[in-house]
C-alpha atoms as a PDB file:
ATOM      1  CA  MET A   1    -151.041 109.096 -39.581  1.00  0.00           C
ATOM      2  CA  ARG A   2    -151.449 109.353 -43.356  1.00  0.00           C
ATOM      3  CA  THR A   3    -152.934 105.877 -43.806  1.00  0.00           C
ATOM      4  CA  ASN A   4    -156.416 106.405 -45.206  1.00  0.00           C
ATOM      5  CA  LEU A   5    -156.123 109.994 -43.990  1.00  0.00           C
ATOM      6  CA  ILE A   6    -158.714 111.489 -46.288  1.00  0.00           C
ATOM      7  CA  ASP A   7    -161.343 108.990 -45.127  1.00  0.00           C
ATOM      8  CA  ASN A   8    -161.580 111.087 -41.959  1.00  0.00           C
ATOM      9  CA  PHE A   9    -162.921 114.043 -43.896  1.00  0.00           C
ATOM     10  CA  ILE A  10    -165.246 112.620 -46.527  1.00  0.00           C
ATOM     11  CA  VAL A  11    -169.007 113.083 -46.202  1.00  0.00           C
ATOM     12  CA  LYS A  12    -170.795 109.819 -46.824  1.00  0.00           C
ATOM     13  CA  PRO A  13    -173.590 110.110 -49.412  1.00  0.00           C
ATOM     14  CA  ASN A  14    -177.122 110.415 -48.038  1.00  0.00           C
ATOM     15  CA  THR A  15    -175.861 110.548 -44.460  1.00  0.00           C
ATOM     16  CA  LYS A  16    -176.980 113.468 -42.326  1.00  0.00           C
ATOM     17  CA  ILE A  17    -174.194 115.309 -40.550  1.00  0.00           C
ATOM     18  CA  HIS A  18    -173.856 117.841 -37.760  1.00  0.00           C
ATOM     19  CA  LEU A  19    -170.833 120.089 -38.052  1.00  0.00           C
ATOM     20  CA  THR A  20    -170.623 120.350 -34.263  1.00  0.00           C
ATOM     21  CA  ASN A  21    -169.397 116.744 -34.404  1.00  0.00           C
ATOM     22  CA  TRP A  22    -166.452 117.777 -36.615  1.00  0.00           C
ATOM     23  CA  ASN A  23    -163.354 119.394 -35.181  1.00  0.00           C
ATOM     24  CA  PRO A  24    -161.947 122.367 -37.151  1.00  0.00           C
ATOM     25  CA  THR A  25    -158.557 121.581 -35.532  1.00  0.00           C
ATOM     26  CA  PHE A  26    -158.784 117.820 -36.094  1.00  0.00           C
ATOM     27  CA  LEU A  27    -155.095 117.421 -36.872  1.00  0.00           C
ATOM     28  CA  LYS A  28    -153.834 119.580 -34.009  1.00  0.00           C
ATOM     29  CA  ARG A  29    -152.113 116.529 -32.560  1.00  0.00           C
ATOM     30  CA  MET A  30    -150.000 116.360 -35.725  1.00  0.00           C
ATOM     31  CA  ASP A  31    -146.881 118.505 -35.682  1.00  0.00           C
ATOM     32  CA  LYS A  32    -147.334 121.567 -37.894  1.00  0.00           C
ATOM     33  CA  GLU A  33    -143.698 121.503 -38.946  1.00  0.00           C
ATOM     34  CA  GLU A  34    -144.063 117.886 -40.018  1.00  0.00           C
ATOM     35  CA  ALA A  35    -147.135 118.749 -42.106  1.00  0.00           C
ATOM     36  CA  GLU A  36    -145.343 121.668 -43.767  1.00  0.00           C
ATOM     37  CA  LYS A  37    -142.315 119.485 -44.516  1.00  0.00           C
ATOM     38  CA  ILE A  38    -144.432 116.766 -46.185  1.00  0.00           C
ATOM     39  CA  LEU A  39    -146.364 119.411 -48.101  1.00  0.00           C
ATOM     40  CA  ASN A  40    -143.357 121.319 -49.424  1.00  0.00           C
ATOM     41  CA  GLN A  41    -141.007 118.403 -50.052  1.00  0.00           C
ATOM     42  CA  ASN A  42    -143.470 115.816 -51.293  1.00  0.00           C
ATOM     43  CA  LEU A  43    -147.101 116.686 -51.972  1.00  0.00           C
ATOM     44  CA  LEU A  44    -146.608 119.886 -53.961  1.00  0.00           C
ATOM     45  CA  ASN A  45    -144.066 118.143 -56.214  1.00  0.00           C
ATOM     46  CA  GLN A  46    -146.494 115.273 -56.771  1.00  0.00           C
ATOM     47  CA  MET A  47    -149.241 117.722 -57.656  1.00  0.00           C
ATOM     48  CA  SER A  48    -147.013 119.343 -60.267  1.00  0.00           C
ATOM     49  CA  ASP A  49    -145.962 115.998 -61.785  1.00  0.00           C
ATOM     50  CA  LEU A  50    -149.521 114.678 -61.911  1.00  0.00           C
ATOM     51  CA  GLN A  51    -150.790 117.887 -63.495  1.00  0.00           C
ATOM     52  CA  TYR A  52    -148.189 117.459 -66.229  1.00  0.00           C
ATOM     53  CA  LYS A  53    -149.512 113.964 -66.973  1.00  0.00           C
ATOM     54  CA  LEU A  54    -153.081 115.270 -66.990  1.00  0.00           C
ATOM     55  CA  PHE A  55    -152.130 117.988 -69.474  1.00  0.00           C
ATOM     56  CA  ALA A  56    -150.211 115.568 -71.712  1.00  0.00           C
ATOM     57  CA  ASN A  57    -152.982 112.966 -71.694  1.00  0.00           C
ATOM     58  CA  LYS A  58    -155.802 115.410 -72.536  1.00  0.00           C
ATOM     59  CA  SER A  59    -158.575 112.893 -71.925  1.00  0.00           C
ATOM     60  CA  GLN A  60    -159.752 114.080 -68.492  1.00  0.00           C
ATOM     61  CA  SER A  61    -159.941 117.300 -66.510  1.00  0.00           C
ATOM     62  CA  LEU A  62    -160.190 118.304 -62.861  1.00  0.00           C
ATOM     63  CA  LEU A  63    -162.532 120.740 -61.126  1.00  0.00           C
ATOM     64  CA  ILE A  64    -161.675 121.773 -57.564  1.00  0.00           C
ATOM     65  CA  ILE A  65    -164.424 123.555 -55.639  1.00  0.00           C
ATOM     66  CA  LEU A  66    -163.576 125.574 -52.534  1.00  0.00           C
ATOM     67  CA  GLN A  67    -166.411 126.647 -50.262  1.00  0.00           C
ATOM     68  CA  GLY A  68    -166.404 128.280 -46.869  1.00  0.00           C
ATOM     69  CA  ILE A  69    -167.639 131.291 -44.961  1.00  0.00           C
ATOM     70  CA  SER A  70    -165.741 134.591 -44.981  1.00  0.00           C
ATOM     71  CA  ALA A  71    -162.152 134.252 -43.671  1.00  0.00           C
ATOM     72  CA  ALA A  72    -162.214 130.459 -44.002  1.00  0.00           C
ATOM     73  CA  GLY A  73    -159.000 130.611 -46.055  1.00  0.00           C
ATOM     74  CA  LYS A  74    -160.086 130.035 -49.648  1.00  0.00           C
ATOM     75  CA  ASP A  75    -157.648 132.583 -51.136  1.00  0.00           C
ATOM     76  CA  SER A  76    -154.831 131.361 -48.921  1.00  0.00           C
ATOM     77  CA  THR A  77    -155.441 127.739 -49.931  1.00  0.00           C
ATOM     78  CA  ILE A  78    -155.308 128.653 -53.612  1.00  0.00           C
ATOM     79  CA  ARG A  79    -152.091 130.602 -53.098  1.00  0.00           C
ATOM     80  CA  ASN A  80    -150.289 128.050 -50.912  1.00  0.00           C
ATOM     81  CA  VAL A  81    -151.514 124.763 -52.401  1.00  0.00           C
ATOM     82  CA  MET A  82    -152.771 125.321 -55.950  1.00  0.00           C
ATOM     83  CA  GLY A  83    -149.708 127.491 -56.537  1.00  0.00           C
ATOM     84  CA  ALA A  84    -147.906 124.214 -57.248  1.00  0.00           C
ATOM     85  CA  PHE A  85    -149.798 123.918 -60.535  1.00  0.00           C
ATOM     86  CA  ASN A  86    -148.476 125.286 -63.822  1.00  0.00           C
ATOM     87  CA  PRO A  87    -150.716 128.277 -64.680  1.00  0.00           C
ATOM     88  CA  GLN A  88    -150.585 127.348 -68.379  1.00  0.00           C
ATOM     89  CA  SER A  89    -153.147 124.620 -67.744  1.00  0.00           C
ATOM     90  CA  CYS A  90    -154.729 125.764 -64.480  1.00  0.00           C
ATOM     91  CA  ARG A  91    -156.910 128.743 -63.648  1.00  0.00           C
ATOM     92  CA  ALA A  92    -158.640 129.961 -60.504  1.00  0.00           C
ATOM     93  CA  ILE A  93    -162.041 131.638 -60.754  1.00  0.00           C
ATOM     94  CA  ALA A  94    -163.677 133.631 -57.959  1.00  0.00           C
ATOM     95  CA  PHE A  95    -167.462 133.819 -58.040  1.00  0.00           C
ATOM     96  CA  LYS A  96    -168.996 137.016 -56.733  1.00  0.00           C
ATOM     97  CA  ALA A  97    -172.621 138.130 -56.739  1.00  0.00           C
ATOM     98  CA  PRO A  98    -174.096 137.298 -60.164  1.00  0.00           C
ATOM     99  CA  SER A  99    -174.139 140.025 -62.798  1.00  0.00           C
ATOM    100  CA  GLU A 100    -177.268 141.225 -64.571  1.00  0.00           C
ATOM    101  CA  GLU A 101    -176.423 139.000 -67.536  1.00  0.00           C
ATOM    102  CA  GLU A 102    -175.905 135.972 -65.292  1.00  0.00           C
ATOM    103  CA  LEU A 103    -179.192 136.601 -63.503  1.00  0.00           C
ATOM    104  CA  SER A 104    -180.956 136.565 -66.870  1.00  0.00           C
ATOM    105  CA  HIS A 105    -179.957 132.885 -67.282  1.00  0.00           C
ATOM    106  CA  ASP A 106    -180.446 129.806 -65.118  1.00  0.00           C
ATOM    107  CA  TYR A 107    -178.169 129.714 -62.060  1.00  0.00           C
ATOM    108  CA  LEU A 108    -175.887 127.010 -63.499  1.00  0.00           C
ATOM    109  CA  TRP A 109    -175.221 128.903 -66.741  1.00  0.00           C
ATOM    110  CA  ARG A 110    -172.270 130.885 -65.419  1.00  0.00           C
ATOM    111  CA  ILE A 111    -170.835 127.715 -63.864  1.00  0.00           C
ATOM    112  CA  HIS A 112    -171.087 125.403 -66.851  1.00  0.00           C
ATOM    113  CA  LYS A 113    -169.350 127.714 -69.289  1.00  0.00           C
ATOM    114  CA  LEU A 114    -166.241 127.799 -67.065  1.00  0.00           C
ATOM    115  CA  MET A 115    -165.633 124.071 -66.843  1.00  0.00           C
ATOM    116  CA  PRO A 116    -162.003 122.972 -67.393  1.00  0.00           C
ATOM    117  CA  ALA A 117    -161.076 121.802 -70.877  1.00  0.00           C
ATOM    118  CA  LYS A 118    -159.551 118.351 -71.320  1.00  0.00           C
ATOM    119  CA  GLY A 119    -156.126 118.240 -69.731  1.00  0.00           C
ATOM    120  CA  GLU A 120    -156.792 121.289 -67.574  1.00  0.00           C
ATOM    121  CA  ILE A 121    -157.536 122.103 -63.931  1.00  0.00           C
ATOM    122  CA  THR A 122    -159.984 124.757 -62.783  1.00  0.00           C
ATOM    123  CA  VAL A 123    -160.295 125.953 -59.184  1.00  0.00           C
ATOM    124  CA  PHE A 124    -163.549 127.584 -58.101  1.00  0.00           C
ATOM    125  CA  ASN A 125    -163.411 130.050 -55.208  1.00  0.00           C
ATOM    126  CA  ARG A 126    -167.092 129.704 -54.285  1.00  0.00           C
ATOM    127  CA  SER A 127    -169.363 128.064 -56.842  1.00  0.00           C
ATOM    128  CA  HIS A 128    -172.910 126.999 -57.671  1.00  0.00           C
ATOM    129  CA  TYR A 129    -173.259 126.045 -53.998  1.00  0.00           C
ATOM    130  CA  GLU A 130    -173.806 129.722 -53.237  1.00  0.00           C
ATOM    131  CA  ASP A 131    -177.218 129.107 -54.805  1.00  0.00           C
ATOM    132  CA  VAL A 132    -178.197 126.830 -51.912  1.00  0.00           C
ATOM    133  CA  ILE A 133    -176.131 128.582 -49.223  1.00  0.00           C
ATOM    134  CA  GLU A 134    -176.018 132.368 -49.612  1.00  0.00           C
ATOM    135  CA  VAL A 135    -179.484 132.665 -51.132  1.00  0.00           C
ATOM    136  CA  ARG A 136    -180.879 130.585 -48.279  1.00  0.00           C
ATOM    137  CA  VAL A 137    -179.180 132.399 -45.389  1.00  0.00           C
ATOM    138  CA  ARG A 138    -179.808 135.868 -46.803  1.00  0.00           C
ATOM    139  CA  LYS A 139    -183.312 134.918 -47.964  1.00  0.00           C
ATOM    140  CA  LEU A 140    -182.653 136.020 -51.541  1.00  0.00           C
ATOM    141  CA  VAL A 141    -184.989 133.384 -52.993  1.00  0.00           C
ATOM    142  CA  SER A 142    -187.761 131.320 -51.471  1.00  0.00           C
ATOM    143  CA  LYS A 143    -187.326 127.814 -50.048  1.00  0.00           C
ATOM    144  CA  SER A 144    -189.509 126.443 -52.844  1.00  0.00           C
ATOM    145  CA  ILE A 145    -186.746 127.505 -55.256  1.00  0.00           C
ATOM    146  CA  TRP A 146    -183.481 126.663 -53.450  1.00  0.00           C
ATOM    147  CA  SER A 147    -184.744 123.358 -52.037  1.00  0.00           C
ATOM    148  CA  LYS A 148    -185.076 121.931 -55.581  1.00  0.00           C
ATOM    149  CA  ARG A 149    -181.486 122.740 -56.410  1.00  0.00           C
ATOM    150  CA  TYR A 150    -179.878 119.894 -54.471  1.00  0.00           C
ATOM    151  CA  THR A 151    -181.237 117.360 -56.968  1.00  0.00           C
ATOM    152  CA  GLN A 152    -180.373 119.618 -59.900  1.00  0.00           C
ATOM    153  CA  ILE A 153    -176.799 120.044 -58.668  1.00  0.00           C
ATOM    154  CA  ASN A 154    -176.358 116.307 -58.172  1.00  0.00           C
ATOM    155  CA  GLU A 155    -177.501 115.598 -61.708  1.00  0.00           C
ATOM    156  CA  PHE A 156    -175.328 118.402 -63.091  1.00  0.00           C
ATOM    157  CA  GLU A 157    -172.266 116.993 -61.331  1.00  0.00           C
ATOM    158  CA  ARG A 158    -173.083 113.478 -62.475  1.00  0.00           C
ATOM    159  CA  TYR A 159    -173.192 114.786 -66.040  1.00  0.00           C
ATOM    160  CA  LEU A 160    -169.757 116.396 -65.602  1.00  0.00           C
ATOM    161  CA  HIS A 161    -168.333 113.196 -64.120  1.00  0.00           C
ATOM    162  CA  GLU A 162    -169.700 111.097 -66.979  1.00  0.00           C
ATOM    163  CA  ASN A 163    -167.935 113.489 -69.354  1.00  0.00           C
ATOM    164  CA  ASN A 164    -164.535 112.918 -67.721  1.00  0.00           C
ATOM    165  CA  ILE A 165    -164.483 115.934 -65.413  1.00  0.00           C
ATOM    166  CA  LYS A 166    -163.307 114.765 -62.011  1.00  0.00           C
ATOM    167  CA  ILE A 167    -164.668 116.874 -59.148  1.00  0.00           C
ATOM    168  CA  ILE A 168    -163.123 117.606 -55.745  1.00  0.00           C
ATOM    169  CA  LYS A 169    -165.339 119.563 -53.343  1.00  0.00           C
ATOM    170  CA  LEU A 170    -163.678 121.062 -50.272  1.00  0.00           C
ATOM    171  CA  PHE A 171    -165.566 122.780 -47.464  1.00  0.00           C
ATOM    172  CA  LEU A 172    -163.089 124.759 -45.362  1.00  0.00           C
ATOM    173  CA  TYR A 173    -164.555 124.434 -41.875  1.00  0.00           C
ATOM    174  CA  ILE A 174    -163.512 127.268 -39.585  1.00  0.00           C
ATOM    175  CA  SER A 175    -164.742 127.869 -36.038  1.00  0.00           C
ATOM    176  CA  LYS A 176    -166.747 130.935 -35.084  1.00  0.00           C
ATOM    177  CA  ASP A 177    -163.956 132.188 -32.822  1.00  0.00           C
ATOM    178  CA  GLU A 178    -161.318 131.784 -35.527  1.00  0.00           C
ATOM    179  CA  GLN A 179    -163.486 133.590 -38.084  1.00  0.00           C
ATOM    180  CA  LYS A 180    -163.943 136.471 -35.628  1.00  0.00           C
ATOM    181  CA  ARG A 181    -160.182 136.646 -34.997  1.00  0.00           C
ATOM    182  CA  LYS A 182    -159.350 136.688 -38.717  1.00  0.00           C
ATOM    183  CA  LEU A 183    -161.937 139.316 -39.608  1.00  0.00           C
ATOM    184  CA  GLU A 184    -160.712 141.553 -36.788  1.00  0.00           C
ATOM    185  CA  GLU A 185    -157.155 141.087 -38.029  1.00  0.00           C
ATOM    186  CA  ARG A 186    -158.213 142.192 -41.505  1.00  0.00           C
ATOM    187  CA  MET A 187    -159.816 145.316 -40.106  1.00  0.00           C
ATOM    188  CA  ARG A 188    -156.667 146.234 -38.176  1.00  0.00           C
ATOM    189  CA  ASN A 189    -154.234 145.507 -41.018  1.00  0.00           C
ATOM    190  CA  PRO A 190    -154.137 148.274 -43.682  1.00  0.00           C
ATOM    191  CA  GLN A 191    -152.830 145.761 -46.226  1.00  0.00           C
ATOM    192  CA  LYS A 192    -155.859 143.528 -45.702  1.00  0.00           C
ATOM    193  CA  GLN A 193    -158.620 146.074 -45.246  1.00  0.00           C
ATOM    194  CA  TRP A 194    -159.355 146.023 -48.975  1.00  0.00           C
ATOM    195  CA  LYS A 195    -160.705 142.494 -48.559  1.00  0.00           C
ATOM    196  CA  ILE A 196    -163.386 143.573 -46.094  1.00  0.00           C
ATOM    197  CA  THR A 197    -166.949 144.025 -47.330  1.00  0.00           C
ATOM    198  CA  GLU A 198    -170.062 145.064 -45.471  1.00  0.00           C
ATOM    199  CA  SER A 199    -171.347 141.498 -45.645  1.00  0.00           C
ATOM    200  CA  ASP A 200    -168.131 140.297 -43.957  1.00  0.00           C
ATOM    201  CA  ILE A 201    -168.851 142.565 -41.007  1.00  0.00           C
ATOM    202  CA  THR A 202    -172.406 141.251 -40.606  1.00  0.00           C
ATOM    203  CA  GLU A 203    -171.647 137.630 -41.500  1.00  0.00           C
ATOM    204  CA  PRO A 204    -170.505 136.403 -38.035  1.00  0.00           C
ATOM    205  CA  LYS A 205    -174.000 136.903 -36.633  1.00  0.00           C
ATOM    206  CA  TYR A 206    -175.243 134.468 -39.284  1.00  0.00           C
ATOM    207  CA  TYR A 207    -172.640 131.817 -38.414  1.00  0.00           C
ATOM    208  CA  GLU A 208    -175.132 129.237 -37.118  1.00  0.00           C
ATOM    209  CA  GLN A 209    -177.428 129.769 -40.108  1.00  0.00           C
ATOM    210  CA  TYR A 210    -174.506 129.250 -42.491  1.00  0.00           C
ATOM    211  CA  MET A 211    -173.500 126.050 -40.711  1.00  0.00           C
ATOM    212  CA  LYS A 212    -177.057 124.730 -40.928  1.00  0.00           C
ATOM    213  CA  ALA A 213    -177.209 125.549 -44.642  1.00  0.00           C
ATOM    214  CA  TYR A 214    -173.834 123.896 -45.242  1.00  0.00           C
ATOM    215  CA  GLU A 215    -174.827 120.792 -43.296  1.00  0.00           C
ATOM    216  CA  GLU A 216    -177.766 120.175 -45.601  1.00  0.00           C
ATOM    217  CA  ALA A 217    -175.814 120.947 -48.779  1.00  0.00           C
ATOM    218  CA  LEU A 218    -172.934 118.695 -47.725  1.00  0.00           C
ATOM    219  CA  TRP A 219    -174.935 115.577 -47.008  1.00  0.00           C
ATOM    220  CA  LYS A 220    -177.474 116.042 -49.780  1.00  0.00           C
ATOM    221  CA  CYS A 221    -174.845 116.737 -52.453  1.00  0.00           C
ATOM    222  CA  SER A 222    -172.045 114.373 -51.457  1.00  0.00           C
ATOM    223  CA  SER A 223    -172.049 111.567 -54.008  1.00  0.00           C
ATOM    224  CA  LYS A 224    -169.741 108.789 -55.117  1.00  0.00           C
ATOM    225  CA  TRP A 225    -168.980 110.775 -58.288  1.00  0.00           C
ATOM    226  CA  ALA A 226    -168.484 114.111 -56.492  1.00  0.00           C
ATOM    227  CA  PRO A 227    -167.921 113.694 -52.744  1.00  0.00           C
ATOM    228  CA  TRP A 228    -167.640 116.508 -50.258  1.00  0.00           C
ATOM    229  CA  TYR A 229    -164.683 116.783 -47.891  1.00  0.00           C
ATOM    230  CA  ILE A 230    -164.863 118.760 -44.649  1.00  0.00           C
ATOM    231  CA  ILE A 231    -161.439 120.332 -44.173  1.00  0.00           C
ATOM    232  CA  PRO A 232    -160.377 121.433 -40.664  1.00  0.00           C
ATOM    233  CA  ALA A 233    -159.343 125.007 -41.439  1.00  0.00           C
ATOM    234  CA  ASP A 234    -158.484 126.666 -38.122  1.00  0.00           C
ATOM    235  CA  ILE A 235    -154.797 125.770 -38.538  1.00  0.00           C
ATOM    236  CA  LYS A 236    -153.413 126.947 -41.887  1.00  0.00           C
ATOM    237  CA  SER A 237    -150.536 124.487 -42.286  1.00  0.00           C
ATOM    238  CA  LEU A 238    -152.686 121.465 -41.474  1.00  0.00           C
ATOM    239  CA  ARG A 239    -155.470 122.699 -43.754  1.00  0.00           C
ATOM    240  CA  ASN A 240    -153.016 122.966 -46.651  1.00  0.00           C
ATOM    241  CA  PHE A 241    -151.623 119.516 -45.916  1.00  0.00           C
ATOM    242  CA  VAL A 242    -155.056 117.852 -45.999  1.00  0.00           C
ATOM    243  CA  VAL A 243    -156.121 119.679 -49.170  1.00  0.00           C
ATOM    244  CA  ALA A 244    -152.931 118.677 -50.990  1.00  0.00           C
ATOM    245  CA  GLU A 245    -153.286 115.071 -49.826  1.00  0.00           C
ATOM    246  CA  ILE A 246    -156.819 114.911 -51.254  1.00  0.00           C
ATOM    247  CA  ILE A 247    -155.744 116.440 -54.577  1.00  0.00           C
ATOM    248  CA  VAL A 248    -152.802 114.038 -54.964  1.00  0.00           C
ATOM    249  CA  THR A 249    -154.944 111.023 -54.066  1.00  0.00           C
ATOM    250  CA  THR A 250    -157.637 112.095 -56.539  1.00  0.00           C
ATOM    251  CA  LEU A 251    -155.195 112.704 -59.401  1.00  0.00           C
ATOM    252  CA  LYS A 252    -153.589 109.318 -58.771  1.00  0.00           C
ATOM    253  CA  SER A 253    -157.023 107.666 -58.917  1.00  0.00           C
ATOM    254  CA  MET A 254    -157.419 109.038 -62.458  1.00  0.00           C
ATOM    255  CA  LYS A 255    -154.660 106.621 -63.592  1.00  0.00           C
ATOM    256  CA  LEU A 256    -152.955 109.217 -65.735  1.00  0.00           C
ATOM    257  CA  LYS A 257    -150.402 108.105 -68.317  1.00  0.00           C
ATOM    258  CA  PHE A 258    -148.301 109.868 -70.898  1.00  0.00           C
ATOM    259  CA  PRO A 259    -149.693 109.216 -74.391  1.00  0.00           C
ATOM    260  CA  LYS A 260    -147.550 107.341 -76.861  1.00  0.00           C
ATOM    261  CA  PRO A 261    -146.166 109.247 -79.890  1.00  0.00           C
ATOM    262  CA  ASN A 262    -148.258 108.963 -83.050  1.00  0.00           C
ATOM    263  CA  PHE A 263    -145.219 107.969 -85.090  1.00  0.00           C
ATOM    264  CA  ASP A 264    -142.259 105.616 -84.701  1.00  0.00           C
ATOM    265  CA  ILE A 265    -139.549 107.648 -82.974  1.00  0.00           C
ATOM    266  CA  SER A 266    -137.056 104.756 -83.152  1.00  0.00           C
ATOM    267  CA  LYS A 267    -136.641 105.321 -86.904  1.00  0.00           C
ATOM    268  CA  TYR A 268    -135.280 108.782 -86.248  1.00  0.00           C
ATOM    269  CA  PHE A 269    -132.898 107.460 -83.611  1.00  0.00           C
ATOM    270  CA  GLN A 270    -131.588 104.884 -86.120  1.00  0.00           C
ATOM    271  CA  MET A 271    -131.047 107.541 -88.757  1.00  0.00           C
ATOM    272  CA  ASP A 272    -129.215 109.698 -86.253  1.00  0.00           C
ATOM    273  CA  GLN A 273    -126.921 106.836 -85.280  1.00  0.00           C
ATOM    274  CA  GLN A 274    -126.037 106.150 -88.926  1.00  0.00           C
END
């Protein structure tokens, strides 16, 4: 099942997609208990070990971008998967509506200044893709503005890649019915009501518009240096499994190694033995 697993979810560059052809419960045939066992006993440990190498090496960094409509599971994914990372060299950043200061700069300004330093991992909960998704669906800027941003984003991400920032982009794909169920659950649960906003309540009626906007962003901005992955997100345990698999595979592809000491340690061992 895991052989070339992540190939099932990658968006090929310059290839138009239709999300109706993707199944948000793709891995339903896989046993949820099996996925949770592999995640907890294998993948999360690998993530921790690989992060340690990344931090020690300090020559590369990793940016993980999470996108998805309301209730897609971005917070839950960060908590259940990225929780395996040591917080000393990993941070999660949630992007809300831009502030007055941010609006006074170009739309990538607030993104660029939060890039991970060498040896670190940064997780974006939403990102610069809101500037071709949210602004398009809610008609906050004109098409003449947001339509130019696909090329700008591709070049921005190429620049990051060429400066040793590896990028993982994950679109958590949730069905309309599952989004409705989750939002209703939030409204009924006093411990989750704080997460509800007015836009969450109105968002389901824009579901098709969001999917259309995501379709275009996914195929236009999936590149060999920063590919998009469409993650089936209706089933929490399987979503977490796929996300962790992609992160482990990506970190392994970075060929991380512990740096050698900058002095001859053997001399100190010899002295100690004498």
